[in-house]
C-alpha cells in the first residue's frame, strides 16, 4: 500500500473514520496518522507476506493489518486493548448535489456538567470540506476533519489516540 488511504477504527461500537498515508516497502514501511496538518508517523515498520506492522512507541501502540486486494484489515492499539482497523485507498469525492450549507464560525454546544455549561466548536470550511475543534474546559478534541455528505457534515479525529466523531446537521433555522 502506498499513498493516501481512508481508514477507520471501531471504538465502543462507534466507527471512527480518518485518513492515513503509507510509504516505503518491505523493512522500510511507514504509516502516518494526521492531526489536522500535523503528521504522526510510525518509527518502525515492515510489510512482509502481505502483513503490515507499524510501531507507534510514543503511544505504546502498534498497527497490524493484512493486505488483501485493495483493503487492509487488522487491529490497532495495545495488546488486549486493540481497535478493529480497516482501510481502503483514498478515492476522489463525488460532486455534491445541491447547495452545501455554510457552518464556518464559532458555535456554542450546551452541556450539563458540574463545572461546564457550554463547549465551543470552531469550524473552518472550504466548500464541502470542514475542519475544526471542540474546546472544552479540560482541553480540546484535536483537529476534527470531514466533509458534507447526505445532508450532514461528518467530522472525526483519530491520530492514534483520542478517537472522536461529530455529526453536524444544519437546521433550517440557522442552528
C-alpha atoms as a PDB file:
ATOM      1  CA  UNK A   1       0.000   0.000   0.000  1.00  0.00           C
ATOM      2  CA  UNK A   2       1.254   3.455  -0.924  1.00  0.00           C
ATOM      3  CA  UNK A   3      -0.215   6.938  -0.684  1.00  0.00           C
ATOM      4  CA  UNK A   4      -3.347   8.231   0.991  1.00  0.00           C
ATOM      5  CA  UNK A   5      -5.879   5.749   2.426  1.00  0.00           C
ATOM      6  CA  UNK A   6      -9.284   6.053   4.119  1.00  0.00           C
ATOM      7  CA  UNK A   7      -9.076   4.264   7.453  1.00  0.00           C
ATOM      8  CA  UNK A   8     -11.448   3.508  10.271  1.00  0.00           C
ATOM      9  CA  UNK A   9     -11.291   2.054  13.758  1.00  0.00           C
ATOM     10  CA  UNK A  10     -14.229   0.855  15.833  1.00  0.00           C
ATOM     11  CA  UNK A  11     -14.274   2.195  19.400  1.00  0.00           C
ATOM     12  CA  UNK A  12     -17.125   1.282  21.760  1.00  0.00           C
ATOM     13  CA  UNK A  13     -19.259   0.228  18.752  1.00  0.00           C
ATOM     14  CA  UNK A  14     -18.676   3.599  17.023  1.00  0.00           C
ATOM     15  CA  UNK A  15     -16.895   3.696  13.658  1.00  0.00           C
ATOM     16  CA  UNK A  16     -14.316   6.497  13.578  1.00  0.00           C
ATOM     17  CA  UNK A  17     -13.170   7.423  10.033  1.00  0.00           C
ATOM     18  CA  UNK A  18      -9.793   9.057   9.349  1.00  0.00           C
ATOM     19  CA  UNK A  19      -7.140   9.461   6.663  1.00  0.00           C
ATOM     20  CA  UNK A  20      -3.793   7.749   6.777  1.00  0.00           C
ATOM     21  CA  UNK A  21      -0.768   7.751   4.491  1.00  0.00           C
ATOM     22  CA  UNK A  22       1.558   4.826   3.764  1.00  0.00           C
ATOM     23  CA  UNK A  23       5.047   4.926   2.251  1.00  0.00           C
ATOM     24  CA  UNK A  24       8.072   2.710   1.772  1.00  0.00           C
ATOM     25  CA  UNK A  25       8.347  -1.017   1.190  1.00  0.00           C
ATOM     26  CA  UNK A  26       9.441  -4.195   2.934  1.00  0.00           C
ATOM     27  CA  UNK A  27      11.518  -3.414   6.070  1.00  0.00           C
ATOM     28  CA  UNK A  28      11.256   0.363   5.471  1.00  0.00           C
ATOM     29  CA  UNK A  29       7.443   0.559   5.510  1.00  0.00           C
ATOM     30  CA  UNK A  30       5.890   3.555   7.338  1.00  0.00           C
ATOM     31  CA  UNK A  31       2.468   4.962   8.087  1.00  0.00           C
ATOM     32  CA  UNK A  32       1.236   8.376   9.229  1.00  0.00           C
ATOM     33  CA  UNK A  33      -1.904   9.467  11.052  1.00  0.00           C
ATOM     34  CA  UNK A  34      -2.967  13.116  10.746  1.00  0.00           C
ATOM     35  CA  UNK A  35      -3.944  15.624  13.419  1.00  0.00           C
ATOM     36  CA  UNK A  36      -5.018  18.375  11.042  1.00  0.00           C
ATOM     37  CA  UNK A  37      -1.839  19.196   9.095  1.00  0.00           C
ATOM     38  CA  UNK A  38       0.439  17.506  11.653  1.00  0.00           C
ATOM     39  CA  UNK A  39       1.719  14.027  10.730  1.00  0.00           C
ATOM     40  CA  UNK A  40       2.170  11.353  13.388  1.00  0.00           C
ATOM     41  CA  UNK A  41       4.466   8.859  11.670  1.00  0.00           C
ATOM     42  CA  UNK A  42       5.413   5.372  12.781  1.00  0.00           C
ATOM     43  CA  UNK A  43       9.007   4.967  13.952  1.00  0.00           C
ATOM     44  CA  UNK A  44       9.373   1.441  12.692  1.00  0.00           C
ATOM     45  CA  UNK A  45       7.508  -0.784  10.346  1.00  0.00           C
ATOM     46  CA  UNK A  46       7.566  -3.505   7.785  1.00  0.00           C
ATOM     47  CA  UNK A  47       5.381  -5.279   5.316  1.00  0.00           C
ATOM     48  CA  UNK A  48       6.088  -8.964   4.841  1.00  0.00           C
ATOM     49  CA  UNK A  49       3.948 -11.650   3.212  1.00  0.00           C
ATOM     50  CA  UNK A  50       1.047  -9.220   2.968  1.00  0.00           C
ATOM     51  CA  UNK A  51       1.098  -8.277   6.673  1.00  0.00           C
ATOM     52  CA  UNK A  52       1.852  -4.664   7.564  1.00  0.00           C
ATOM     53  CA  UNK A  53       3.203  -3.887  11.035  1.00  0.00           C
ATOM     54  CA  UNK A  54       3.757  -0.298  12.203  1.00  0.00           C
ATOM     55  CA  UNK A  55       5.098   0.816  15.580  1.00  0.00           C
ATOM     56  CA  UNK A  56       3.956   3.995  17.341  1.00  0.00           C
ATOM     57  CA  UNK A  57       6.061   3.750  20.545  1.00  0.00           C
ATOM     58  CA  UNK A  58       5.167   7.245  21.793  1.00  0.00           C
ATOM     59  CA  UNK A  59       1.646   5.832  22.211  1.00  0.00           C
ATOM     60  CA  UNK A  60       2.897   2.357  23.108  1.00  0.00           C
ATOM     61  CA  UNK A  61       0.694   1.095  20.251  1.00  0.00           C
ATOM     62  CA  UNK A  62       1.025  -0.989  17.124  1.00  0.00           C
ATOM     63  CA  UNK A  63      -0.903  -1.334  13.885  1.00  0.00           C
ATOM     64  CA  UNK A  64      -1.011  -4.797  12.379  1.00  0.00           C
ATOM     65  CA  UNK A  65      -3.075  -5.369   9.240  1.00  0.00           C
ATOM     66  CA  UNK A  66      -3.267  -7.826   6.372  1.00  0.00           C
ATOM     67  CA  UNK A  67      -3.364  -6.557   2.792  1.00  0.00           C
ATOM     68  CA  UNK A  68      -5.928  -8.308   0.575  1.00  0.00           C
ATOM     69  CA  UNK A  69      -6.566  -6.797  -2.865  1.00  0.00           C
ATOM     70  CA  UNK A  70      -7.098  -3.078  -2.111  1.00  0.00           C
ATOM     71  CA  UNK A  71      -8.026  -3.431   1.569  1.00  0.00           C
ATOM     72  CA  UNK A  72      -6.138  -3.530   4.848  1.00  0.00           C
ATOM     73  CA  UNK A  73      -7.793  -5.277   7.797  1.00  0.00           C
ATOM     74  CA  UNK A  74      -6.377  -5.771  11.261  1.00  0.00           C
ATOM     75  CA  UNK A  75      -6.080  -4.086  14.640  1.00  0.00           C
ATOM     76  CA  UNK A  76      -4.531  -1.027  16.261  1.00  0.00           C
ATOM     77  CA  UNK A  77      -3.682  -0.469  19.899  1.00  0.00           C
ATOM     78  CA  UNK A  78      -2.111  -2.061  22.934  1.00  0.00           C
ATOM     79  CA  UNK A  79      -2.149  -5.842  23.391  1.00  0.00           C
ATOM     80  CA  UNK A  80      -5.562  -6.695  24.840  1.00  0.00           C
ATOM     81  CA  UNK A  81      -6.897  -3.168  24.112  1.00  0.00           C
ATOM     82  CA  UNK A  82      -6.978  -3.093  20.351  1.00  0.00           C
ATOM     83  CA  UNK A  83      -9.444  -1.458  17.986  1.00  0.00           C
ATOM     84  CA  UNK A  84     -10.559  -3.236  14.805  1.00  0.00           C
ATOM     85  CA  UNK A  85      -8.904  -1.430  11.868  1.00  0.00           C
ATOM     86  CA  UNK A  86      -9.935  -1.250   8.189  1.00  0.00           C
ATOM     87  CA  UNK A  87      -8.586   0.877   5.315  1.00  0.00           C
ATOM     88  CA  UNK A  88      -9.053   1.295   1.557  1.00  0.00           C
ATOM     89  CA  UNK A  89      -7.232   3.563  -0.919  1.00  0.00           C
ATOM     90  CA  UNK A  90      -8.425   7.192  -0.949  1.00  0.00           C
ATOM     91  CA  UNK A  91     -10.970   7.968  -3.631  1.00  0.00           C
ATOM     92  CA  UNK A  92     -11.847  11.388  -5.037  1.00  0.00           C
ATOM     93  CA  UNK A  93     -15.040  12.904  -3.619  1.00  0.00           C
ATOM     94  CA  UNK A  94     -18.150  12.741  -5.774  1.00  0.00           C
ATOM     95  CA  UNK A  95     -19.798  16.103  -6.548  1.00  0.00           C
ATOM     96  CA  UNK A  96     -22.472  17.242  -4.098  1.00  0.00           C
ATOM     97  CA  UNK A  97     -25.988  17.510  -5.470  1.00  0.00           C
ATOM     98  CA  UNK A  98     -27.474  20.839  -4.415  1.00  0.00           C
ATOM     99  CA  UNK A  99     -26.120  23.500  -2.087  1.00  0.00           C
ATOM    100  CA  UNK A 100     -23.619  22.876   0.702  1.00  0.00           C
ATOM    101  CA  UNK A 101     -24.712  24.721   3.866  1.00  0.00           C
ATOM    102  CA  UNK A 102     -22.242  27.154   5.434  1.00  0.00           C
ATOM    103  CA  UNK A 103     -21.272  26.208   9.002  1.00  0.00           C
ATOM    104  CA  UNK A 104     -17.935  28.017   9.357  1.00  0.00           C
ATOM    105  CA  UNK A 105     -17.582  30.022  12.546  1.00  0.00           C
ATOM    106  CA  UNK A 106     -17.810  29.628  16.285  1.00  0.00           C
ATOM    107  CA  UNK A 107     -20.677  27.637  17.805  1.00  0.00           C
ATOM    108  CA  UNK A 108     -21.785  27.013  21.386  1.00  0.00           C
ATOM    109  CA  UNK A 109     -22.670  23.476  22.434  1.00  0.00           C
ATOM    110  CA  UNK A 110     -24.721  23.298  25.644  1.00  0.00           C
ATOM    111  CA  UNK A 111     -23.505  20.660  28.116  1.00  0.00           C
ATOM    112  CA  UNK A 112     -24.746  19.708  31.538  1.00  0.00           C
ATOM    113  CA  UNK A 113     -21.606  19.210  33.605  1.00  0.00           C
ATOM    114  CA  UNK A 114     -20.954  20.420  37.144  1.00  0.00           C
ATOM    115  CA  UNK A 115     -18.309  22.983  36.125  1.00  0.00           C
ATOM    116  CA  UNK A 116     -19.162  23.480  32.440  1.00  0.00           C
ATOM    117  CA  UNK A 117     -22.287  24.775  30.788  1.00  0.00           C
ATOM    118  CA  UNK A 118     -21.043  25.121  27.184  1.00  0.00           C
ATOM    119  CA  UNK A 119     -18.312  23.913  24.875  1.00  0.00           C
ATOM    120  CA  UNK A 120     -17.157  25.977  21.902  1.00  0.00           C
ATOM    121  CA  UNK A 121     -16.912  24.404  18.453  1.00  0.00           C
ATOM    122  CA  UNK A 122     -14.795  26.334  15.935  1.00  0.00           C
ATOM    123  CA  UNK A 123     -15.202  25.353  12.267  1.00  0.00           C
ATOM    124  CA  UNK A 124     -13.356  26.306   9.060  1.00  0.00           C
ATOM    125  CA  UNK A 125     -14.972  25.416   5.752  1.00  0.00           C
ATOM    126  CA  UNK A 126     -13.904  25.227   2.124  1.00  0.00           C
ATOM    127  CA  UNK A 127     -16.832  24.041   0.038  1.00  0.00           C
ATOM    128  CA  UNK A 128     -17.886  20.651   1.361  1.00  0.00           C
ATOM    129  CA  UNK A 129     -14.712  20.100   3.414  1.00  0.00           C
ATOM    130  CA  UNK A 130     -14.576  21.229   7.042  1.00  0.00           C
ATOM    131  CA  UNK A 131     -12.065  21.247   9.879  1.00  0.00           C
ATOM    132  CA  UNK A 132     -12.131  22.494  13.416  1.00  0.00           C
ATOM    133  CA  UNK A 133     -12.114  21.519  17.077  1.00  0.00           C
ATOM    134  CA  UNK A 134     -14.330  21.451  20.121  1.00  0.00           C
ATOM    135  CA  UNK A 135     -12.858  23.413  23.017  1.00  0.00           C
ATOM    136  CA  UNK A 136     -13.681  22.122  26.491  1.00  0.00           C
ATOM    137  CA  UNK A 137     -12.562  23.085  29.966  1.00  0.00           C
ATOM    138  CA  UNK A 138     -10.207  20.093  30.052  1.00  0.00           C
ATOM    139  CA  UNK A 139      -8.727  20.637  26.565  1.00  0.00           C
ATOM    140  CA  UNK A 140      -9.841  20.089  23.005  1.00  0.00           C
ATOM    141  CA  UNK A 141     -10.772  17.249  20.694  1.00  0.00           C
ATOM    142  CA  UNK A 142      -7.736  17.600  18.452  1.00  0.00           C
ATOM    143  CA  UNK A 143      -8.265  18.517  14.817  1.00  0.00           C
ATOM    144  CA  UNK A 144     -11.652  17.346  13.602  1.00  0.00           C
ATOM    145  CA  UNK A 145     -11.801  16.979   9.820  1.00  0.00           C
ATOM    146  CA  UNK A 146     -14.551  15.880   7.488  1.00  0.00           C
ATOM    147  CA  UNK A 147     -16.999  16.663   4.743  1.00  0.00           C
ATOM    148  CA  UNK A 148     -20.617  17.277   3.846  1.00  0.00           C
ATOM    149  CA  UNK A 149     -22.489  14.224   2.626  1.00  0.00           C
ATOM    150  CA  UNK A 150     -26.178  13.237   2.588  1.00  0.00           C
ATOM    151  CA  UNK A 151     -27.438  16.349   4.398  1.00  0.00           C
ATOM    152  CA  UNK A 152     -24.900  16.370   7.262  1.00  0.00           C
ATOM    153  CA  UNK A 153     -21.264  17.091   7.982  1.00  0.00           C
ATOM    154  CA  UNK A 154     -19.301  14.196   9.454  1.00  0.00           C
ATOM    155  CA  UNK A 155     -16.155  15.295  11.300  1.00  0.00           C
ATOM    156  CA  UNK A 156     -13.764  12.954  13.054  1.00  0.00           C
ATOM    157  CA  UNK A 157     -10.418  12.727  14.766  1.00  0.00           C
ATOM    158  CA  UNK A 158      -8.072   9.786  15.100  1.00  0.00           C
ATOM    159  CA  UNK A 159      -4.323  10.300  15.178  1.00  0.00           C
ATOM    160  CA  UNK A 160      -3.514   7.138  17.113  1.00  0.00           C
ATOM    161  CA  UNK A 161      -5.293   8.466  20.213  1.00  0.00           C
ATOM    162  CA  UNK A 162      -8.399  10.406  21.210  1.00  0.00           C
ATOM    163  CA  UNK A 163     -10.974   8.972  18.792  1.00  0.00           C
ATOM    164  CA  UNK A 164     -13.898  11.332  18.184  1.00  0.00           C
ATOM    165  CA  UNK A 165     -16.825  11.577  15.772  1.00  0.00           C
ATOM    166  CA  UNK A 166     -19.174  14.557  15.430  1.00  0.00           C
ATOM    167  CA  UNK A 167     -22.174  14.641  13.100  1.00  0.00           C
ATOM    168  CA  UNK A 168     -23.447  18.147  12.367  1.00  0.00           C
ATOM    169  CA  UNK A 169     -26.848  18.500  10.708  1.00  0.00           C
ATOM    170  CA  UNK A 170     -27.679  22.130   9.868  1.00  0.00           C
ATOM    171  CA  UNK A 171     -31.185  23.181  10.951  1.00  0.00           C
ATOM    172  CA  UNK A 172     -33.428  25.265   8.730  1.00  0.00           C
ATOM    173  CA  UNK A 173     -33.475  27.957  11.451  1.00  0.00           C
ATOM    174  CA  UNK A 174     -29.686  28.504  11.419  1.00  0.00           C
ATOM    175  CA  UNK A 175     -28.895  26.169  14.296  1.00  0.00           C
END
